[in-house]
Amino acid sequence: MVEVCCWAHARRHVYQALDHDPSRMRTLLLMIAELYGVEKLARQRGLSGEDLRLLRDQGVSRRVSAMQPLQPHSISTSRKIDFERTIRRTK
């Protein structure tokens, strides 16, 4: 079995933390939107297989690395773990 974490759930936790740390959370939400932009580009180009993997590698890894320091501190420990797993699975 492979654990899968999704950005939709991670985004929800970031959105919920918006009131506690608006500046950092807005930045993080914009970064997550960029990840969705990579997927949109892949759909527009009709990419699959190795081409899709390459686009994701190029478009996602550095963005995800930049997210880690911005992790929400105001969310519960279990949600932080989910957020961290999502980041690790995306790298």
PDB file of N, CA and C in Angstrom:
ATOM      1  N   MET A   1       0.829  -1.176   0.000  1.00  0.00           N
ATOM      2  CA  MET A   1       0.000   0.000   0.000  1.00  0.00           C
ATOM      3  C   MET A   1       0.879   1.247   0.000  1.00  0.00           C
ATOM      4  N   VAL A   2       0.399   2.277  -0.681  1.00  0.00           N
ATOM      5  CA  VAL A   2       1.115   3.545  -0.738  1.00  0.00           C
ATOM      6  C   VAL A   2       0.223   4.623  -0.157  1.00  0.00           C
ATOM      7  N   GLU A   3       0.771   5.372   0.779  1.00  0.00           N
ATOM      8  CA  GLU A   3       0.021   6.475   1.368  1.00  0.00           C
ATOM      9  C   GLU A   3      -0.040   7.632   0.376  1.00  0.00           C
ATOM     10  N   VAL A   4      -1.214   8.187   0.204  1.00  0.00           N
ATOM     11  CA  VAL A   4      -1.390   9.305  -0.716  1.00  0.00           C
ATOM     12  C   VAL A   4      -1.947  10.484   0.066  1.00  0.00           C
ATOM     13  N   CYS A   5      -1.315  11.626  -0.083  1.00  0.00           N
ATOM     14  CA  CYS A   5      -1.780  12.851   0.556  1.00  0.00           C
ATOM     15  C   CYS A   5      -2.112  13.836  -0.553  1.00  0.00           C
ATOM     16  N   CYS A   6      -3.182  14.561  -0.399  1.00  0.00           N
ATOM     17  CA  CYS A   6      -3.572  15.436  -1.501  1.00  0.00           C
ATOM     18  C   CYS A   6      -3.472  16.910  -1.101  1.00  0.00           C
ATOM     19  N   TRP A   7      -3.235  17.741  -2.112  1.00  0.00           N
ATOM     20  CA  TRP A   7      -3.092  19.172  -1.887  1.00  0.00           C
ATOM     21  C   TRP A   7      -4.419  19.823  -1.529  1.00  0.00           C
ATOM     22  N   ALA A   8      -5.531  19.232  -1.931  1.00  0.00           N
ATOM     23  CA  ALA A   8      -6.827  19.810  -1.566  1.00  0.00           C
ATOM     24  C   ALA A   8      -6.996  19.807  -0.045  1.00  0.00           C
ATOM     25  N   HIS A   9      -6.623  18.704   0.592  1.00  0.00           N
ATOM     26  CA  HIS A   9      -6.727  18.645   2.054  1.00  0.00           C
ATOM     27  C   HIS A   9      -5.699  19.557   2.716  1.00  0.00           C
ATOM     28  N   ALA A  10      -4.489  19.561   2.208  1.00  0.00           N
ATOM     29  CA  ALA A  10      -3.461  20.442   2.768  1.00  0.00           C
ATOM     30  C   ALA A  10      -3.886  21.900   2.630  1.00  0.00           C
ATOM     31  N   ARG A  11      -4.439  22.248   1.465  1.00  0.00           N
ATOM     32  CA  ARG A  11      -4.884  23.625   1.221  1.00  0.00           C
ATOM     33  C   ARG A  11      -5.966  24.024   2.218  1.00  0.00           C
ATOM     34  N   ARG A  12      -6.863  23.114   2.504  1.00  0.00           N
ATOM     35  CA  ARG A  12      -7.937  23.408   3.460  1.00  0.00           C
ATOM     36  C   ARG A  12      -7.361  23.766   4.828  1.00  0.00           C
ATOM     37  N   HIS A  13      -6.359  23.027   5.274  1.00  0.00           N
ATOM     38  CA  HIS A  13      -5.743  23.312   6.577  1.00  0.00           C
ATOM     39  C   HIS A  13      -5.035  24.661   6.561  1.00  0.00           C
ATOM     40  N   VAL A  14      -4.405  24.990   5.453  1.00  0.00           N
ATOM     41  CA  VAL A  14      -3.745  26.292   5.331  1.00  0.00           C
ATOM     42  C   VAL A  14      -4.798  27.394   5.365  1.00  0.00           C
ATOM     43  N   TYR A  15      -5.881  27.196   4.645  1.00  0.00           N
ATOM     44  CA  TYR A  15      -6.958  28.191   4.614  1.00  0.00           C
ATOM     45  C   TYR A  15      -7.520  28.411   6.019  1.00  0.00           C
ATOM     46  N   GLN A  16      -7.673  27.336   6.779  1.00  0.00           N
ATOM     47  CA  GLN A  16      -8.185  27.446   8.142  1.00  0.00           C
ATOM     48  C   GLN A  16      -7.219  28.211   9.047  1.00  0.00           C
ATOM     49  N   ALA A  17      -5.938  28.201   8.725  1.00  0.00           N
ATOM     50  CA  ALA A  17      -4.933  28.898   9.530  1.00  0.00           C
ATOM     51  C   ALA A  17      -4.755  30.348   9.085  1.00  0.00           C
ATOM     52  N   LEU A  18      -5.489  30.765   8.081  1.00  0.00           N
ATOM     53  CA  LEU A  18      -5.349  32.106   7.505  1.00  0.00           C
ATOM     54  C   LEU A  18      -5.546  33.212   8.533  1.00  0.00           C
ATOM     55  N   ASP A  19      -6.496  33.062   9.431  1.00  0.00           N
ATOM     56  CA  ASP A  19      -6.757  34.092  10.444  1.00  0.00           C
ATOM     57  C   ASP A  19      -5.600  34.235  11.438  1.00  0.00           C
ATOM     58  N   HIS A  20      -4.871  33.152  11.669  1.00  0.00           N
ATOM     59  CA  HIS A  20      -3.794  33.160  12.667  1.00  0.00           C
ATOM     60  C   HIS A  20      -2.491  33.746  12.133  1.00  0.00           C
ATOM     61  N   ASP A  21      -2.279  33.618  10.827  1.00  0.00           N
ATOM     62  CA  ASP A  21      -1.013  34.078  10.235  1.00  0.00           C
ATOM     63  C   ASP A  21      -1.263  34.455   8.770  1.00  0.00           C
ATOM     64  N   PRO A  22      -1.994  35.560   8.538  1.00  0.00           N
ATOM     65  CA  PRO A  22      -2.453  35.896   7.185  1.00  0.00           C
ATOM     66  C   PRO A  22      -1.341  36.021   6.146  1.00  0.00           C
ATOM     67  N   SER A  23      -0.256  36.645   6.489  1.00  0.00           N
ATOM     68  CA  SER A  23       0.804  36.878   5.507  1.00  0.00           C
ATOM     69  C   SER A  23       1.408  35.564   5.007  1.00  0.00           C
ATOM     70  N   ARG A  24       1.829  34.720   5.945  1.00  0.00           N
ATOM     71  CA  ARG A  24       2.442  33.439   5.557  1.00  0.00           C
ATOM     72  C   ARG A  24       1.450  32.524   4.866  1.00  0.00           C
ATOM     73  N   MET A  25       0.216  32.498   5.360  1.00  0.00           N
ATOM     74  CA  MET A  25      -0.769  31.589   4.780  1.00  0.00           C
ATOM     75  C   MET A  25      -1.185  32.029   3.369  1.00  0.00           C
ATOM     76  N   ARG A  26      -1.270  33.347   3.129  1.00  0.00           N
ATOM     77  CA  ARG A  26      -1.563  33.818   1.765  1.00  0.00           C
ATOM     78  C   ARG A  26      -0.453  33.399   0.808  1.00  0.00           C
ATOM     79  N   THR A  27       0.782  33.539   1.264  1.00  0.00           N
ATOM     80  CA  THR A  27       1.920  33.122   0.442  1.00  0.00           C
ATOM     81  C   THR A  27       1.831  31.634   0.136  1.00  0.00           C
ATOM     82  N   LEU A  28       1.522  30.851   1.143  1.00  0.00           N
ATOM     83  CA  LEU A  28       1.409  29.410   0.969  1.00  0.00           C
ATOM     84  C   LEU A  28       0.254  29.049   0.035  1.00  0.00           C
ATOM     85  N   LEU A  29      -0.869  29.736   0.167  1.00  0.00           N
ATOM     86  CA  LEU A  29      -1.998  29.480  -0.731  1.00  0.00           C
ATOM     87  C   LEU A  29      -1.641  29.803  -2.181  1.00  0.00           C
ATOM     88  N   LEU A  30      -0.881  30.861  -2.391  1.00  0.00           N
ATOM     89  CA  LEU A  30      -0.432  31.188  -3.752  1.00  0.00           C
ATOM     90  C   LEU A  30       0.500  30.105  -4.295  1.00  0.00           C
ATOM     91  N   MET A  31       1.351  29.577  -3.446  1.00  0.00           N
ATOM     92  CA  MET A  31       2.256  28.511  -3.875  1.00  0.00           C
ATOM     93  C   MET A  31       1.479  27.244  -4.238  1.00  0.00           C
ATOM     94  N   ILE A  32       0.462  26.927  -3.456  1.00  0.00           N
ATOM     95  CA  ILE A  32      -0.370  25.760  -3.766  1.00  0.00           C
ATOM     96  C   ILE A  32      -1.098  25.989  -5.090  1.00  0.00           C
ATOM     97  N   ALA A  33      -1.552  27.212  -5.323  1.00  0.00           N
ATOM     98  CA  ALA A  33      -2.202  27.539  -6.597  1.00  0.00           C
ATOM     99  C   ALA A  33      -1.246  27.308  -7.768  1.00  0.00           C
ATOM    100  N   GLU A  34       0.042  27.603  -7.562  1.00  0.00           N
ATOM    101  CA  GLU A  34       1.034  27.340  -8.613  1.00  0.00           C
ATOM    102  C   GLU A  34       1.130  25.848  -8.918  1.00  0.00           C
ATOM    103  N   LEU A  35       1.011  25.013  -7.892  1.00  0.00           N
ATOM    104  CA  LEU A  35       1.034  23.561  -8.114  1.00  0.00           C
ATOM    105  C   LEU A  35      -0.161  23.134  -8.966  1.00  0.00           C
ATOM    106  N   TYR A  36      -1.313  23.701  -8.658  1.00  0.00           N
ATOM    107  CA  TYR A  36      -2.493  23.408  -9.472  1.00  0.00           C
ATOM    108  C   TYR A  36      -2.281  23.896 -10.907  1.00  0.00           C
ATOM    109  N   GLY A  37      -1.533  24.982 -11.075  1.00  0.00           N
ATOM    110  CA  GLY A  37      -1.229  25.500 -12.402  1.00  0.00           C
ATOM    111  C   GLY A  37      -0.391  24.529 -13.218  1.00  0.00           C
ATOM    112  N   VAL A  38       0.526  23.823 -12.562  1.00  0.00           N
ATOM    113  CA  VAL A  38       1.328  22.811 -13.249  1.00  0.00           C
ATOM    114  C   VAL A  38       0.420  21.711 -13.780  1.00  0.00           C
ATOM    115  N   GLU A  39      -0.534  21.283 -12.967  1.00  0.00           N
ATOM    116  CA  GLU A  39      -1.469  20.242 -13.392  1.00  0.00           C
ATOM    117  C   GLU A  39      -2.367  20.731 -14.533  1.00  0.00           C
ATOM    118  N   LYS A  40      -2.775  21.984 -14.469  1.00  0.00           N
ATOM    119  CA  LYS A  40      -3.602  22.550 -15.536  1.00  0.00           C
ATOM    120  C   LYS A  40      -2.828  22.565 -16.855  1.00  0.00           C
ATOM    121  N   LEU A  41      -1.574  22.965 -16.793  1.00  0.00           N
ATOM    122  CA  LEU A  41      -0.725  22.982 -17.977  1.00  0.00           C
ATOM    123  C   LEU A  41      -0.588  21.576 -18.562  1.00  0.00           C
ATOM    124  N   ALA A  42      -0.419  20.596 -17.704  1.00  0.00           N
ATOM    125  CA  ALA A  42      -0.310  19.208 -18.162  1.00  0.00           C
ATOM    126  C   ALA A  42      -1.580  18.770 -18.884  1.00  0.00           C
ATOM    127  N   ARG A  43      -2.734  19.129 -18.339  1.00  0.00           N
ATOM    128  CA  ARG A  43      -4.005  18.782 -18.998  1.00  0.00           C
ATOM    129  C   ARG A  43      -4.134  19.474 -20.339  1.00  0.00           C
ATOM    130  N   GLN A  44      -3.773  20.765 -20.381  1.00  0.00           N
ATOM    131  CA  GLN A  44      -3.874  21.528 -21.629  1.00  0.00           C
ATOM    132  C   GLN A  44      -2.982  20.931 -22.710  1.00  0.00           C
ATOM    133  N   ARG A  45      -1.836  20.431 -22.308  1.00  0.00           N
ATOM    134  CA  ARG A  45      -0.899  19.836 -23.267  1.00  0.00           C
ATOM    135  C   ARG A  45      -1.202  18.370 -23.554  1.00  0.00           C
ATOM    136  N   GLY A  46      -2.145  17.810 -22.798  1.00  0.00           N
ATOM    137  CA  GLY A  46      -2.496  16.403 -22.990  1.00  0.00           C
ATOM    138  C   GLY A  46      -1.372  15.453 -22.607  1.00  0.00           C
ATOM    139  N   LEU A  47      -0.600  15.822 -21.600  1.00  0.00           N
ATOM    140  CA  LEU A  47       0.559  15.022 -21.203  1.00  0.00           C
ATOM    141  C   LEU A  47       0.156  13.803 -20.393  1.00  0.00           C
ATOM    142  N   SER A  48       0.927  12.762 -20.540  1.00  0.00           N
ATOM    143  CA  SER A  48       0.752  11.564 -19.720  1.00  0.00           C
ATOM    144  C   SER A  48       2.089  10.851 -19.634  1.00  0.00           C
ATOM    145  N   GLY A  49       2.151   9.838 -18.809  1.00  0.00           N
ATOM    146  CA  GLY A  49       3.346   9.019 -18.685  1.00  0.00           C
ATOM    147  C   GLY A  49       4.589   9.817 -18.325  1.00  0.00           C
ATOM    148  N   GLU A  50       5.659   9.536 -19.043  1.00  0.00           N
ATOM    149  CA  GLU A  50       6.956  10.143 -18.764  1.00  0.00           C
ATOM    150  C   GLU A  50       6.942  11.655 -18.953  1.00  0.00           C
ATOM    151  N   ASP A  51       6.215  12.150 -19.960  1.00  0.00           N
ATOM    152  CA  ASP A  51       6.129  13.599 -20.182  1.00  0.00           C
ATOM    153  C   ASP A  51       5.474  14.301 -18.996  1.00  0.00           C
ATOM    154  N   LEU A  52       4.435  13.698 -18.454  1.00  0.00           N
ATOM    155  CA  LEU A  52       3.758  14.261 -17.289  1.00  0.00           C
ATOM    156  C   LEU A  52       4.690  14.246 -16.078  1.00  0.00           C
ATOM    157  N   ARG A  53       5.404  13.144 -15.889  1.00  0.00           N
ATOM    158  CA  ARG A  53       6.337  13.050 -14.769  1.00  0.00           C
ATOM    159  C   ARG A  53       7.425  14.120 -14.864  1.00  0.00           C
ATOM    160  N   LEU A  54       7.947  14.328 -16.057  1.00  0.00           N
ATOM    161  CA  LEU A  54       8.992  15.336 -16.233  1.00  0.00           C
ATOM    162  C   LEU A  54       8.484  16.744 -15.941  1.00  0.00           C
ATOM    163  N   LEU A  55       7.284  17.066 -16.422  1.00  0.00           N
ATOM    164  CA  LEU A  55       6.716  18.388 -16.143  1.00  0.00           C
ATOM    165  C   LEU A  55       6.530  18.576 -14.640  1.00  0.00           C
ATOM    166  N   ARG A  56       6.013  17.564 -13.988  1.00  0.00           N
ATOM    167  CA  ARG A  56       5.815  17.650 -12.539  1.00  0.00           C
ATOM    168  C   ARG A  56       7.146  17.807 -11.817  1.00  0.00           C
ATOM    169  N   ASP A  57       8.146  17.045 -12.227  1.00  0.00           N
ATOM    170  CA  ASP A  57       9.465  17.165 -11.596  1.00  0.00           C
ATOM    171  C   ASP A  57      10.007  18.579 -11.737  1.00  0.00           C
ATOM    172  N   GLN A  58       9.880  19.146 -12.916  1.00  0.00           N
ATOM    173  CA  GLN A  58      10.399  20.489 -13.169  1.00  0.00           C
ATOM    174  C   GLN A  58       9.574  21.555 -12.454  1.00  0.00           C
ATOM    175  N   GLY A  59       8.263  21.394 -12.459  1.00  0.00           N
ATOM    176  CA  GLY A  59       7.399  22.445 -11.965  1.00  0.00           C
ATOM    177  C   GLY A  59       7.037  22.379 -10.501  1.00  0.00           C
ATOM    178  N   VAL A  60       7.291  21.244  -9.871  1.00  0.00           N
ATOM    179  CA  VAL A  60       6.782  21.057  -8.518  1.00  0.00           C
ATOM    180  C   VAL A  60       7.878  21.032  -7.457  1.00  0.00           C
ATOM    181  N   SER A  61       8.960  20.357  -7.695  1.00  0.00           N
ATOM    182  CA  SER A  61       9.954  20.103  -6.643  1.00  0.00           C
ATOM    183  C   SER A  61      10.440  21.370  -5.956  1.00  0.00           C
ATOM    184  N   ARG A  62      10.857  22.365  -6.717  1.00  0.00           N
ATOM    185  CA  ARG A  62      11.387  23.573  -6.074  1.00  0.00           C
ATOM    186  C   ARG A  62      10.288  24.350  -5.355  1.00  0.00           C
ATOM    187  N   ARG A  63       9.076  24.321  -5.897  1.00  0.00           N
ATOM    188  CA  ARG A  63       7.964  25.009  -5.228  1.00  0.00           C
ATOM    189  C   ARG A  63       7.655  24.354  -3.888  1.00  0.00           C
ATOM    190  N   VAL A  64       7.640  23.045  -3.882  1.00  0.00           N
ATOM    191  CA  VAL A  64       7.319  22.318  -2.654  1.00  0.00           C
ATOM    192  C   VAL A  64       8.410  22.535  -1.607  1.00  0.00           C
ATOM    193  N   SER A  65       9.658  22.549  -2.016  1.00  0.00           N
ATOM    194  CA  SER A  65      10.754  22.798  -1.068  1.00  0.00           C
ATOM    195  C   SER A  65      10.612  24.170  -0.414  1.00  0.00           C
ATOM    196  N   ALA A  66      10.160  25.142  -1.181  1.00  0.00           N
ATOM    197  CA  ALA A  66       9.985  26.498  -0.648  1.00  0.00           C
ATOM    198  C   ALA A  66       8.820  26.581   0.330  1.00  0.00           C
ATOM    199  N   MET A  67       7.907  25.627   0.277  1.00  0.00           N
ATOM    200  CA  MET A  67       6.732  25.647   1.155  1.00  0.00           C
ATOM    201  C   MET A  67       7.045  25.215   2.577  1.00  0.00           C
ATOM    202  N   GLN A  68       7.977  24.337   2.737  1.00  0.00           N
ATOM    203  CA  GLN A  68       8.205  23.723   4.045  1.00  0.00           C
ATOM    204  C   GLN A  68       8.387  24.733   5.179  1.00  0.00           C
ATOM    205  N   PRO A  69       9.197  25.789   5.007  1.00  0.00           N
ATOM    206  CA  PRO A  69       9.347  26.740   6.114  1.00  0.00           C
ATOM    207  C   PRO A  69       8.069  27.519   6.429  1.00  0.00           C
ATOM    208  N   LEU A  70       7.126  27.525   5.513  1.00  0.00           N
ATOM    209  CA  LEU A  70       5.890  28.283   5.701  1.00  0.00           C
ATOM    210  C   LEU A  70       4.783  27.463   6.344  1.00  0.00           C
ATOM    211  N   GLN A  71       5.071  26.235   6.679  1.00  0.00           N
ATOM    212  CA  GLN A  71       4.063  25.346   7.253  1.00  0.00           C
ATOM    213  C   GLN A  71       3.285  26.036   8.372  1.00  0.00           C
ATOM    214  N   PRO A  72       1.978  25.879   8.371  1.00  0.00           N
ATOM    215  CA  PRO A  72       1.166  26.517   9.419  1.00  0.00           C
ATOM    216  C   PRO A  72       1.515  26.009  10.811  1.00  0.00           C
ATOM    217  N   HIS A  73       1.772  26.919  11.740  1.00  0.00           N
ATOM    218  CA  HIS A  73       2.072  26.533  13.120  1.00  0.00           C
ATOM    219  C   HIS A  73       0.809  26.469  13.972  1.00  0.00           C
ATOM    220  N   SER A  74      -0.267  27.048  13.465  1.00  0.00           N
ATOM    221  CA  SER A  74      -1.473  27.145  14.277  1.00  0.00           C
ATOM    222  C   SER A  74      -2.398  25.941  14.120  1.00  0.00           C
ATOM    223  N   ILE A  75      -2.053  24.993  13.259  1.00  0.00           N
ATOM    224  CA  ILE A  75      -2.919  23.845  13.095  1.00  0.00           C
ATOM    225  C   ILE A  75      -2.479  22.734  14.035  1.00  0.00           C
ATOM    226  N   SER A  76      -3.369  21.789  14.277  1.00  0.00           N
ATOM    227  CA  SER A  76      -3.086  20.721  15.223  1.00  0.00           C
ATOM    228  C   SER A  76      -1.922  19.853  14.748  1.00  0.00           C
ATOM    229  N   THR A  77      -1.338  19.126  15.673  1.00  0.00           N
ATOM    230  CA  THR A  77      -0.192  18.285  15.357  1.00  0.00           C
ATOM    231  C   THR A  77      -0.526  17.265  14.276  1.00  0.00           C
ATOM    232  N   SER A  78      -1.683  16.625  14.359  1.00  0.00           N
ATOM    233  CA  SER A  78      -2.034  15.618  13.355  1.00  0.00           C
ATOM    234  C   SER A  78      -2.175  16.249  11.974  1.00  0.00           C
ATOM    235  N   ARG A  79      -2.707  17.453  11.910  1.00  0.00           N
ATOM    236  CA  ARG A  79      -2.830  18.134  10.623  1.00  0.00           C
ATOM    237  C   ARG A  79      -1.469  18.573  10.103  1.00  0.00           C
ATOM    238  N   LYS A  80      -0.557  18.979  11.004  1.00  0.00           N
ATOM    239  CA  LYS A  80       0.799  19.335  10.583  1.00  0.00           C
ATOM    240  C   LYS A  80       1.478  18.126   9.958  1.00  0.00           C
ATOM    241  N   ILE A  81       1.282  16.967  10.569  1.00  0.00           N
ATOM    242  CA  ILE A  81       1.877  15.745  10.041  1.00  0.00           C
ATOM    243  C   ILE A  81       1.330  15.474   8.643  1.00  0.00           C
ATOM    244  N   ASP A  82       0.019  15.640   8.445  1.00  0.00           N
ATOM    245  CA  ASP A  82      -0.577  15.459   7.118  1.00  0.00           C
ATOM    246  C   ASP A  82       0.031  16.433   6.120  1.00  0.00           C
ATOM    247  N   PHE A  83       0.211  17.681   6.534  1.00  0.00           N
ATOM    248  CA  PHE A  83       0.789  18.694   5.661  1.00  0.00           C
ATOM    249  C   PHE A  83       2.220  18.302   5.280  1.00  0.00           C
ATOM    250  N   GLU A  84       2.992  17.870   6.270  1.00  0.00           N
ATOM    251  CA  GLU A  84       4.372  17.459   6.016  1.00  0.00           C
ATOM    252  C   GLU A  84       4.418  16.246   5.093  1.00  0.00           C
ATOM    253  N   ARG A  85       3.515  15.300   5.280  1.00  0.00           N
ATOM    254  CA  ARG A  85       3.473  14.117   4.402  1.00  0.00           C
ATOM    255  C   ARG A  85       3.138  14.533   2.977  1.00  0.00           C
ATOM    256  N   THR A  86       2.220  15.456   2.821  1.00  0.00           N
ATOM    257  CA  THR A  86       1.862  15.930   1.478  1.00  0.00           C
ATOM    258  C   THR A  86       3.078  16.533   0.807  1.00  0.00           C
ATOM    259  N   ILE A  87       3.824  17.332   1.527  1.00  0.00           N
ATOM    260  CA  ILE A  87       5.031  17.949   0.968  1.00  0.00           C
ATOM    261  C   ILE A  87       6.039  16.857   0.589  1.00  0.00           C
ATOM    262  N   ARG A  88       6.287  15.896   1.490  1.00  0.00           N
ATOM    263  CA  ARG A  88       7.270  14.855   1.205  1.00  0.00           C
ATOM    264  C   ARG A  88       6.854  14.011   0.008  1.00  0.00           C
ATOM    265  N   ARG A  89       5.587  13.688  -0.115  1.00  0.00           N
ATOM    266  CA  ARG A  89       5.104  12.838  -1.213  1.00  0.00           C
ATOM    267  C   ARG A  89       5.211  13.556  -2.549  1.00  0.00           C
ATOM    268  N   THR A  90       5.176  14.877  -2.537  1.00  0.00           N
ATOM    269  CA  THR A  90       5.212  15.650  -3.772  1.00  0.00           C
ATOM    270  C   THR A  90       6.631  15.835  -4.275  1.00  0.00           C
ATOM    271  N   LYS A  91       7.597  15.805  -3.388  1.00  0.00           N
ATOM    272  CA  LYS A  91       8.996  16.052  -3.790  1.00  0.00           C
ATOM    273  C   LYS A  91       9.498  14.973  -4.717  1.00  0.00           C
TER     274      LYS A  91
END
